[in-house]
Structures are given as C-alpha cells and as structure tokens.
N, C-alpha and C. Protein backbone atom coordinates (compact mmCIF):
# COMPACT_ATOMS: atom_id res chain seq x y z
N MET A 1 64.36 7.62 67.01
CA MET A 1 63.46 8.68 66.59
C MET A 1 62.05 8.08 66.45
N ARG A 2 61.10 8.67 67.13
CA ARG A 2 59.72 8.20 67.07
C ARG A 2 59.01 8.91 65.91
N VAL A 3 58.50 8.12 64.97
CA VAL A 3 57.81 8.67 63.80
C VAL A 3 56.31 8.59 64.05
N HIS A 4 55.65 9.72 63.89
CA HIS A 4 54.20 9.82 64.02
C HIS A 4 53.59 9.82 62.62
N VAL A 5 52.38 9.31 62.50
CA VAL A 5 51.68 9.29 61.22
C VAL A 5 50.35 9.99 61.38
N PHE A 6 50.09 10.92 60.46
CA PHE A 6 48.82 11.64 60.43
C PHE A 6 48.17 11.37 59.07
N ARG A 7 46.87 11.09 59.09
CA ARG A 7 46.13 10.84 57.84
C ARG A 7 44.91 11.74 57.78
N SER A 8 44.60 12.16 56.57
CA SER A 8 43.40 12.95 56.34
C SER A 8 42.87 12.58 54.96
N GLU A 9 41.57 12.66 54.80
CA GLU A 9 40.99 12.40 53.48
C GLU A 9 39.70 13.17 53.33
N GLN A 10 39.39 13.49 52.09
CA GLN A 10 38.09 14.08 51.78
C GLN A 10 37.79 13.84 50.31
N TRP A 11 36.50 13.82 50.03
CA TRP A 11 36.03 13.66 48.67
C TRP A 11 35.62 15.03 48.16
N VAL A 12 36.01 15.34 46.92
CA VAL A 12 35.60 16.59 46.30
C VAL A 12 34.87 16.28 45.00
N PRO A 13 33.85 17.09 44.66
CA PRO A 13 33.04 16.81 43.47
C PRO A 13 33.66 17.36 42.19
N ARG A 14 34.95 17.21 42.04
CA ARG A 14 35.64 17.66 40.84
C ARG A 14 36.39 16.48 40.26
N GLY A 15 36.63 16.56 38.97
CA GLY A 15 37.37 15.49 38.30
C GLY A 15 38.81 15.40 38.77
N LEU A 16 39.41 14.28 38.49
CA LEU A 16 40.78 14.03 38.90
C LEU A 16 41.75 15.07 38.35
N ASP A 17 41.65 15.38 37.06
CA ASP A 17 42.60 16.32 36.46
C ASP A 17 42.51 17.70 37.10
N GLU A 18 41.29 18.19 37.30
CA GLU A 18 41.11 19.51 37.90
C GLU A 18 41.59 19.52 39.36
N THR A 19 41.28 18.46 40.08
CA THR A 19 41.69 18.38 41.49
C THR A 19 43.20 18.31 41.61
N PHE A 20 43.83 17.47 40.81
CA PHE A 20 45.29 17.36 40.87
C PHE A 20 45.93 18.69 40.49
N ALA A 21 45.39 19.36 39.47
CA ALA A 21 45.94 20.64 39.04
C ALA A 21 45.91 21.67 40.17
N PHE A 22 44.84 21.67 40.96
CA PHE A 22 44.75 22.59 42.09
C PHE A 22 45.91 22.36 43.06
N PHE A 23 46.18 21.11 43.39
CA PHE A 23 47.24 20.80 44.35
C PHE A 23 48.63 20.92 43.72
N ALA A 24 48.72 20.79 42.41
CA ALA A 24 50.00 20.91 41.73
C ALA A 24 50.46 22.36 41.60
N ASP A 25 49.57 23.30 41.83
CA ASP A 25 49.91 24.72 41.78
C ASP A 25 50.35 25.15 43.18
N ALA A 26 51.65 25.34 43.35
CA ALA A 26 52.20 25.64 44.68
C ALA A 26 51.60 26.90 45.29
N ARG A 27 51.12 27.82 44.45
CA ARG A 27 50.52 29.05 45.00
C ARG A 27 49.30 28.75 45.85
N ASN A 28 48.61 27.66 45.57
CA ASN A 28 47.41 27.32 46.35
C ASN A 28 47.75 26.89 47.78
N LEU A 29 48.99 26.55 48.03
CA LEU A 29 49.38 26.17 49.39
C LEU A 29 49.17 27.33 50.37
N GLU A 30 49.43 28.55 49.93
CA GLU A 30 49.18 29.70 50.80
C GLU A 30 47.70 29.81 51.13
N ALA A 31 46.84 29.55 50.16
CA ALA A 31 45.39 29.69 50.36
C ALA A 31 44.84 28.64 51.31
N ILE A 32 45.42 27.45 51.33
CA ILE A 32 44.87 26.38 52.17
C ILE A 32 45.60 26.23 53.51
N THR A 33 46.51 27.15 53.78
CA THR A 33 47.24 27.14 55.06
C THR A 33 46.62 28.18 55.99
N PRO A 34 46.36 27.84 57.24
CA PRO A 34 45.69 28.76 58.16
C PRO A 34 46.46 30.07 58.35
N PRO A 35 45.71 31.18 58.44
CA PRO A 35 46.35 32.49 58.62
C PRO A 35 47.24 32.58 59.85
N PHE A 36 46.93 31.83 60.91
CA PHE A 36 47.73 31.95 62.13
C PHE A 36 49.19 31.55 61.90
N LEU A 37 49.48 30.83 60.81
CA LEU A 37 50.85 30.45 60.51
C LEU A 37 51.62 31.54 59.76
N ARG A 38 50.90 32.52 59.22
CA ARG A 38 51.54 33.60 58.44
C ARG A 38 52.50 33.00 57.40
N PHE A 39 52.00 32.05 56.68
CA PHE A 39 52.76 31.24 55.73
C PHE A 39 52.96 32.01 54.42
N ARG A 40 54.20 32.03 53.94
CA ARG A 40 54.51 32.66 52.66
C ARG A 40 55.47 31.76 51.87
N ILE A 41 55.22 31.66 50.59
CA ILE A 41 56.16 30.96 49.71
C ILE A 41 57.24 31.96 49.33
N LEU A 42 58.49 31.60 49.52
CA LEU A 42 59.61 32.48 49.21
C LEU A 42 60.19 32.21 47.82
N THR A 43 60.02 31.02 47.31
CA THR A 43 60.54 30.66 45.99
C THR A 43 59.80 31.47 44.93
N PRO A 44 60.54 32.17 44.07
CA PRO A 44 59.86 32.95 43.02
C PRO A 44 59.09 32.03 42.07
N GLY A 45 57.94 32.52 41.63
CA GLY A 45 57.10 31.75 40.72
C GLY A 45 57.41 32.10 39.28
N PRO A 46 56.84 31.37 38.37
CA PRO A 46 56.05 30.17 38.63
C PRO A 46 56.96 29.00 39.04
N ILE A 47 56.42 28.14 39.87
CA ILE A 47 57.16 26.98 40.36
C ILE A 47 56.75 25.76 39.54
N GLU A 48 57.72 25.17 38.85
CA GLU A 48 57.43 23.97 38.06
C GLU A 48 57.50 22.76 38.99
N MET A 49 56.36 22.14 39.19
CA MET A 49 56.30 20.98 40.08
C MET A 49 56.75 19.74 39.31
N ARG A 50 57.77 19.10 39.85
CA ARG A 50 58.32 17.87 39.28
C ARG A 50 59.23 17.27 40.33
N GLU A 51 59.66 16.06 40.12
CA GLU A 51 60.60 15.43 41.04
C GLU A 51 61.86 16.29 41.14
N GLY A 52 62.28 16.58 42.36
CA GLY A 52 63.47 17.38 42.59
C GLY A 52 63.22 18.86 42.82
N THR A 53 62.00 19.34 42.58
CA THR A 53 61.69 20.75 42.82
C THR A 53 61.90 21.09 44.28
N LEU A 54 62.54 22.25 44.53
CA LEU A 54 62.73 22.76 45.89
C LEU A 54 61.86 23.99 46.07
N ILE A 55 61.17 24.06 47.20
CA ILE A 55 60.31 25.20 47.50
C ILE A 55 60.64 25.69 48.91
N ASP A 56 60.89 26.99 49.02
CA ASP A 56 61.20 27.60 50.31
C ASP A 56 60.00 28.38 50.83
N TYR A 57 59.78 28.30 52.15
CA TYR A 57 58.66 28.96 52.80
C TYR A 57 59.16 29.70 54.04
N ALA A 58 58.36 30.66 54.47
CA ALA A 58 58.53 31.29 55.77
C ALA A 58 57.20 31.19 56.48
N LEU A 59 57.24 30.96 57.78
CA LEU A 59 56.01 30.89 58.57
C LEU A 59 56.34 31.23 60.01
N ARG A 60 55.30 31.39 60.79
CA ARG A 60 55.46 31.62 62.23
C ARG A 60 54.62 30.58 62.95
N LEU A 61 55.24 29.92 63.90
CA LEU A 61 54.54 28.90 64.67
C LEU A 61 54.67 29.27 66.14
N HIS A 62 53.54 29.56 66.75
CA HIS A 62 53.52 30.03 68.14
C HIS A 62 54.44 31.23 68.31
N GLY A 63 54.41 32.11 67.29
CA GLY A 63 55.19 33.35 67.33
C GLY A 63 56.64 33.21 66.92
N VAL A 64 57.09 32.00 66.69
CA VAL A 64 58.50 31.76 66.34
C VAL A 64 58.64 31.75 64.82
N PRO A 65 59.48 32.64 64.26
CA PRO A 65 59.68 32.62 62.81
C PRO A 65 60.49 31.40 62.39
N LEU A 66 60.03 30.75 61.34
CA LEU A 66 60.68 29.54 60.84
C LEU A 66 60.87 29.62 59.33
N ARG A 67 61.92 28.99 58.86
CA ARG A 67 62.13 28.77 57.43
C ARG A 67 61.98 27.28 57.19
N TRP A 68 61.42 26.97 56.04
CA TRP A 68 61.14 25.58 55.70
C TRP A 68 61.50 25.40 54.23
N ARG A 69 62.16 24.31 53.92
CA ARG A 69 62.44 23.96 52.52
C ARG A 69 61.89 22.57 52.28
N THR A 70 61.16 22.44 51.19
CA THR A 70 60.57 21.18 50.77
C THR A 70 61.17 20.75 49.44
N ARG A 71 61.39 19.45 49.31
CA ARG A 71 61.79 18.88 48.01
C ARG A 71 60.69 17.92 47.58
N ILE A 72 60.32 17.99 46.32
CA ILE A 72 59.38 17.02 45.76
C ILE A 72 60.18 15.76 45.44
N ASP A 73 59.91 14.72 46.21
CA ASP A 73 60.65 13.45 46.05
C ASP A 73 60.04 12.55 44.99
N ALA A 74 58.73 12.62 44.83
CA ALA A 74 58.05 11.78 43.84
C ALA A 74 56.96 12.62 43.20
N TRP A 75 56.79 12.48 41.90
CA TRP A 75 55.80 13.26 41.15
C TRP A 75 55.15 12.35 40.12
N ARG A 76 53.90 11.99 40.37
CA ARG A 76 53.14 11.12 39.47
C ARG A 76 51.86 11.86 39.09
N PRO A 77 51.90 12.67 38.02
CA PRO A 77 50.75 13.50 37.66
C PRO A 77 49.45 12.71 37.58
N GLY A 78 48.43 13.27 38.21
CA GLY A 78 47.12 12.64 38.23
C GLY A 78 46.97 11.54 39.25
N GLN A 79 48.06 11.21 39.96
CA GLN A 79 48.00 10.11 40.94
C GLN A 79 48.47 10.54 42.32
N SER A 80 49.70 11.05 42.39
CA SER A 80 50.25 11.35 43.71
C SER A 80 51.50 12.21 43.58
N PHE A 81 51.89 12.79 44.70
CA PHE A 81 53.21 13.38 44.83
C PHE A 81 53.61 13.36 46.30
N THR A 82 54.91 13.41 46.52
CA THR A 82 55.45 13.38 47.87
C THR A 82 56.39 14.55 48.06
N ASP A 83 56.15 15.31 49.13
CA ASP A 83 57.11 16.35 49.49
C ASP A 83 57.77 15.98 50.81
N ARG A 84 59.05 16.33 50.91
CA ARG A 84 59.86 16.01 52.09
C ARG A 84 60.53 17.29 52.58
N GLN A 85 60.45 17.54 53.87
CA GLN A 85 61.16 18.67 54.45
C GLN A 85 62.65 18.37 54.40
N VAL A 86 63.43 19.28 53.79
CA VAL A 86 64.88 19.14 53.80
C VAL A 86 65.51 20.15 54.76
N ARG A 87 64.75 21.17 55.13
CA ARG A 87 65.17 22.11 56.18
C ARG A 87 63.91 22.61 56.86
N GLY A 88 63.90 22.58 58.18
CA GLY A 88 62.73 23.05 58.91
C GLY A 88 62.73 22.54 60.33
N PRO A 89 61.59 22.65 60.99
CA PRO A 89 61.53 22.37 62.42
C PRO A 89 61.46 20.88 62.79
N TYR A 90 61.19 20.03 61.84
CA TYR A 90 61.02 18.61 62.16
C TYR A 90 62.29 17.82 61.91
N ALA A 91 62.46 16.73 62.64
CA ALA A 91 63.54 15.79 62.34
C ALA A 91 63.19 15.01 61.08
N ARG A 92 61.89 14.84 60.83
CA ARG A 92 61.39 14.16 59.62
C ARG A 92 60.01 14.71 59.32
N TRP A 93 59.74 14.98 58.04
CA TRP A 93 58.42 15.36 57.56
C TRP A 93 58.32 14.87 56.13
N VAL A 94 57.51 13.86 55.89
CA VAL A 94 57.28 13.32 54.56
C VAL A 94 55.78 13.30 54.34
N HIS A 95 55.32 14.02 53.32
CA HIS A 95 53.89 14.21 53.08
C HIS A 95 53.54 13.61 51.72
N LEU A 96 52.78 12.52 51.76
CA LEU A 96 52.29 11.86 50.55
C LEU A 96 50.88 12.36 50.27
N HIS A 97 50.67 12.89 49.07
CA HIS A 97 49.36 13.34 48.60
C HIS A 97 48.90 12.35 47.54
N THR A 98 47.73 11.75 47.70
CA THR A 98 47.22 10.84 46.68
C THR A 98 45.84 11.29 46.23
N PHE A 99 45.52 10.94 44.99
CA PHE A 99 44.27 11.36 44.35
C PHE A 99 43.68 10.15 43.65
N GLU A 100 42.39 9.92 43.89
CA GLU A 100 41.74 8.74 43.32
C GLU A 100 40.35 9.13 42.84
N PRO A 101 40.05 8.88 41.55
CA PRO A 101 38.70 9.19 41.06
C PRO A 101 37.67 8.27 41.73
N ALA A 102 36.50 8.85 42.04
CA ALA A 102 35.44 8.07 42.69
C ALA A 102 34.10 8.75 42.52
N ARG A 103 33.15 8.06 41.91
CA ARG A 103 31.76 8.49 41.84
C ARG A 103 31.58 9.95 41.41
N GLY A 104 32.20 10.31 40.32
CA GLY A 104 32.03 11.66 39.79
C GLY A 104 32.84 12.71 40.51
N GLY A 105 33.77 12.31 41.31
CA GLY A 105 34.63 13.25 42.04
C GLY A 105 35.99 12.62 42.27
N THR A 106 36.66 13.12 43.28
CA THR A 106 38.02 12.65 43.56
C THR A 106 38.24 12.55 45.07
N TRP A 107 38.82 11.46 45.50
CA TRP A 107 39.30 11.35 46.87
C TRP A 107 40.66 12.02 46.94
N VAL A 108 40.82 12.90 47.91
CA VAL A 108 42.10 13.56 48.19
C VAL A 108 42.56 13.01 49.53
N ARG A 109 43.72 12.39 49.53
CA ARG A 109 44.22 11.78 50.76
C ARG A 109 45.62 12.30 51.07
N ASP A 110 45.85 12.53 52.34
CA ASP A 110 47.15 12.97 52.84
C ASP A 110 47.64 11.96 53.86
N ARG A 111 48.91 11.65 53.77
CA ARG A 111 49.57 10.82 54.78
C ARG A 111 50.89 11.51 55.11
N VAL A 112 51.02 11.92 56.35
CA VAL A 112 52.22 12.63 56.78
C VAL A 112 52.93 11.79 57.83
N GLU A 113 54.19 11.52 57.57
CA GLU A 113 55.07 10.91 58.58
C GLU A 113 55.95 12.03 59.10
N TYR A 114 55.96 12.20 60.42
CA TYR A 114 56.79 13.26 60.98
C TYR A 114 57.39 12.82 62.30
N ALA A 115 58.52 13.42 62.61
CA ALA A 115 59.22 13.16 63.87
C ALA A 115 59.79 14.47 64.36
N LEU A 116 59.84 14.60 65.66
CA LEU A 116 60.39 15.80 66.28
C LEU A 116 61.85 15.59 66.64
N PRO A 117 62.61 16.67 66.65
CA PRO A 117 63.98 16.54 67.14
C PRO A 117 63.98 16.29 68.65
N LEU A 118 65.07 15.84 69.15
CA LEU A 118 65.30 15.65 70.59
C LEU A 118 64.38 14.61 71.22
N ASP A 119 63.98 13.62 70.43
CA ASP A 119 63.17 12.54 71.00
C ASP A 119 64.05 11.77 71.98
N PRO A 120 63.60 11.40 73.12
CA PRO A 120 62.25 11.40 73.68
C PRO A 120 61.87 12.67 74.45
N LEU A 121 62.80 13.63 74.56
CA LEU A 121 62.49 14.84 75.31
C LEU A 121 61.33 15.63 74.71
N SER A 122 61.13 15.51 73.40
CA SER A 122 60.08 16.28 72.72
C SER A 122 58.70 15.63 72.80
N ARG A 123 58.58 14.46 73.36
CA ARG A 123 57.27 13.78 73.39
C ARG A 123 56.17 14.59 74.06
N PRO A 124 56.42 15.24 75.20
CA PRO A 124 55.35 16.07 75.77
C PRO A 124 54.95 17.24 74.86
N VAL A 125 55.92 17.79 74.14
CA VAL A 125 55.63 18.88 73.20
C VAL A 125 54.75 18.37 72.07
N HIS A 126 55.00 17.15 71.63
CA HIS A 126 54.16 16.57 70.59
C HIS A 126 52.72 16.47 71.06
N ALA A 127 52.52 15.91 72.24
CA ALA A 127 51.17 15.70 72.75
C ALA A 127 50.44 17.01 73.02
N LEU A 128 51.15 18.00 73.54
CA LEU A 128 50.51 19.25 73.94
C LEU A 128 50.37 20.26 72.81
N LEU A 129 51.32 20.30 71.88
CA LEU A 129 51.32 21.34 70.85
C LEU A 129 51.30 20.81 69.42
N VAL A 130 52.23 19.93 69.11
CA VAL A 130 52.45 19.57 67.71
C VAL A 130 51.27 18.81 67.13
N ARG A 131 50.83 17.73 67.76
CA ARG A 131 49.71 16.96 67.21
C ARG A 131 48.46 17.82 67.09
N PRO A 132 48.08 18.60 68.13
CA PRO A 132 46.91 19.47 67.96
C PRO A 132 47.09 20.50 66.83
N ASP A 133 48.30 21.02 66.66
CA ASP A 133 48.55 21.96 65.57
C ASP A 133 48.37 21.29 64.21
N VAL A 134 48.93 20.09 64.05
CA VAL A 134 48.80 19.37 62.78
C VAL A 134 47.32 19.11 62.48
N GLU A 135 46.57 18.67 63.48
CA GLU A 135 45.14 18.41 63.28
C GLU A 135 44.40 19.70 62.91
N ARG A 136 44.72 20.79 63.56
CA ARG A 136 44.07 22.08 63.27
C ARG A 136 44.42 22.57 61.86
N ILE A 137 45.66 22.42 61.46
CA ILE A 137 46.08 22.84 60.12
C ILE A 137 45.34 22.05 59.06
N PHE A 138 45.24 20.74 59.23
CA PHE A 138 44.57 19.93 58.22
C PHE A 138 43.05 20.11 58.26
N ALA A 139 42.47 20.42 59.40
CA ALA A 139 41.04 20.74 59.46
C ALA A 139 40.77 22.01 58.66
N TYR A 140 41.63 23.00 58.80
CA TYR A 140 41.50 24.24 58.03
C TYR A 140 41.63 23.94 56.54
N ARG A 141 42.61 23.15 56.17
CA ARG A 141 42.80 22.78 54.77
C ARG A 141 41.53 22.13 54.20
N ARG A 142 40.97 21.17 54.95
CA ARG A 142 39.76 20.50 54.46
C ARG A 142 38.63 21.50 54.25
N ASP A 143 38.46 22.45 55.16
CA ASP A 143 37.41 23.45 55.03
C ASP A 143 37.62 24.32 53.79
N VAL A 144 38.84 24.79 53.59
CA VAL A 144 39.13 25.65 52.43
C VAL A 144 38.97 24.85 51.14
N ILE A 145 39.45 23.63 51.12
CA ILE A 145 39.30 22.79 49.93
C ILE A 145 37.83 22.55 49.63
N ALA A 146 37.03 22.32 50.66
CA ALA A 146 35.58 22.12 50.48
C ALA A 146 34.95 23.36 49.85
N ARG A 147 35.32 24.53 50.33
CA ARG A 147 34.75 25.77 49.78
C ARG A 147 35.27 26.05 48.37
N THR A 148 36.54 25.76 48.13
CA THR A 148 37.17 26.09 46.86
C THR A 148 36.78 25.12 45.75
N LEU A 149 36.75 23.85 46.06
CA LEU A 149 36.49 22.83 45.04
C LEU A 149 35.04 22.36 45.02
N GLY A 150 34.18 23.02 45.77
CA GLY A 150 32.76 22.73 45.69
C GLY A 150 32.15 22.42 47.03
N ALA A 151 30.97 22.98 47.28
CA ALA A 151 30.29 22.81 48.56
C ALA A 151 30.05 21.34 48.87
N ALA A 152 29.81 20.55 47.83
CA ALA A 152 29.54 19.14 48.06
C ALA A 152 30.76 18.39 48.57
N SER A 153 31.93 19.04 48.53
CA SER A 153 33.13 18.34 48.98
C SER A 153 33.13 18.11 50.48
N ALA A 154 32.17 18.68 51.18
CA ALA A 154 32.04 18.40 52.61
C ALA A 154 31.28 17.10 52.83
N ARG A 155 30.86 16.46 51.76
CA ARG A 155 30.13 15.18 51.84
C ARG A 155 30.98 14.10 51.19
N ARG A 156 30.74 12.87 51.58
CA ARG A 156 31.42 11.74 50.97
C ARG A 156 30.48 11.07 49.98
N PRO A 157 31.02 10.30 49.04
CA PRO A 157 30.15 9.57 48.13
C PRO A 157 29.12 8.77 48.91
N GLY A 158 27.91 8.78 48.43
CA GLY A 158 26.84 8.07 49.12
C GLY A 158 26.14 8.94 50.14
N GLY A 159 26.58 10.21 50.27
CA GLY A 159 25.90 11.16 51.14
C GLY A 159 26.34 11.17 52.58
N ALA A 160 27.29 10.34 52.97
CA ALA A 160 27.72 10.32 54.37
C ALA A 160 28.60 11.53 54.65
N ALA A 161 28.39 12.15 55.77
CA ALA A 161 29.23 13.29 56.16
C ALA A 161 30.61 12.79 56.56
N PRO A 162 31.65 13.58 56.27
CA PRO A 162 32.99 13.16 56.67
C PRO A 162 33.15 13.24 58.17
N ALA A 163 34.07 12.46 58.68
CA ALA A 163 34.38 12.52 60.11
C ALA A 163 35.02 13.85 60.43
N ALA A 164 34.76 14.38 61.60
CA ALA A 164 35.36 15.64 62.01
C ALA A 164 36.86 15.49 62.17
N ALA A 165 37.29 14.34 62.61
CA ALA A 165 38.72 14.07 62.75
C ALA A 165 39.21 13.31 61.53
N PRO A 166 40.51 13.35 61.26
CA PRO A 166 41.04 12.61 60.12
C PRO A 166 40.69 11.14 60.22
N ALA A 167 40.38 10.57 59.07
CA ALA A 167 40.03 9.15 59.04
C ALA A 167 41.25 8.31 59.34
N ALA A 168 41.08 7.31 60.13
CA ALA A 168 42.17 6.38 60.42
C ALA A 168 42.11 5.26 59.41
N ARG A 169 43.10 5.20 58.55
CA ARG A 169 43.16 4.17 57.52
C ARG A 169 44.47 3.42 57.69
N PRO A 170 44.43 2.14 57.46
CA PRO A 170 45.67 1.35 57.61
C PRO A 170 46.70 1.71 56.57
C-alpha cells in the first residue's frame, strides 16, 4: 500500500485556546468543507470531542454518495488531535491537527497520511483526481479559516504571505 502525505499550515491571529476551540467543535467542519462535497455530519450533536469519539458523515465526491466514519485516536487539548477514517473511501486516512502559539497568534498545521484502495491500480486516479481534490479541499479550508479567524490569518508572522500551495515540511 502506497501512503501519500499531505501537509498544510497557516498562521491565524487568534490565541491558542480560541483557535483550538474552533477546531474542537465538530460543527465547524461543515463550514470549512467546500460546498462541492455536500458534506453533512450525521452524528447527532453536541459531539463531545475526546479520544475514542466516533463521527459519521455523508458527502458526495464527483457525484458519488459516500459515508465516512472518523474516530478520534488522540486528543491533546490545546496541542493536537488525530482523526482516523474507520469507514470510508480510503484504504488509510490519518489526519493529525497541531496547534502552536506564535507571535500573538497560532500556527495551525495539518498532516494527512492517506492511501487508496487497489494500489497500484489506483495510482493514476491519485494523480488525476485524488491529490488535486485534497489540495483543493485544503485550499478552501485555509480561505474559510482566514476569513473566520481573522483577515490577518492570510499572512504569516513577520508579514510574509503564505505559499499558495501547502508548505512542504519534513
């Protein structure tokens, strides 16, 4: 199974507690997910985020209706959390969210490890559809997060503009 890694990061001008609280509220996932996915949370609220929490979703990808279940594998309030797909379209999907205070704001970082079923037959699908979709979804997320958590979140500490593509970090 070939595992792909996707990384994204952005700085937001909000404190760590406020930023983490935004991401800890599962309802915000609908707001930061692009409309083309027609994403809905199926798990009745309120959803208590903690290790072991299961969350069910429905979405459409390229017109295909999908069900997705996520389990919170790790929960470190104010620092990080990890969600893992336990049912869905991927052979593997592990999403690490980390939060780090910096210069009056917070770095929000995502690291996603994912693999497609039917590898190596799925490799062309990854190159043509999946990787561009993942990049588009996270670009949308960054834009919504920038608007929601402050206009300055489109800038990095020190005034440098963020890269249009996800930052490549080791």
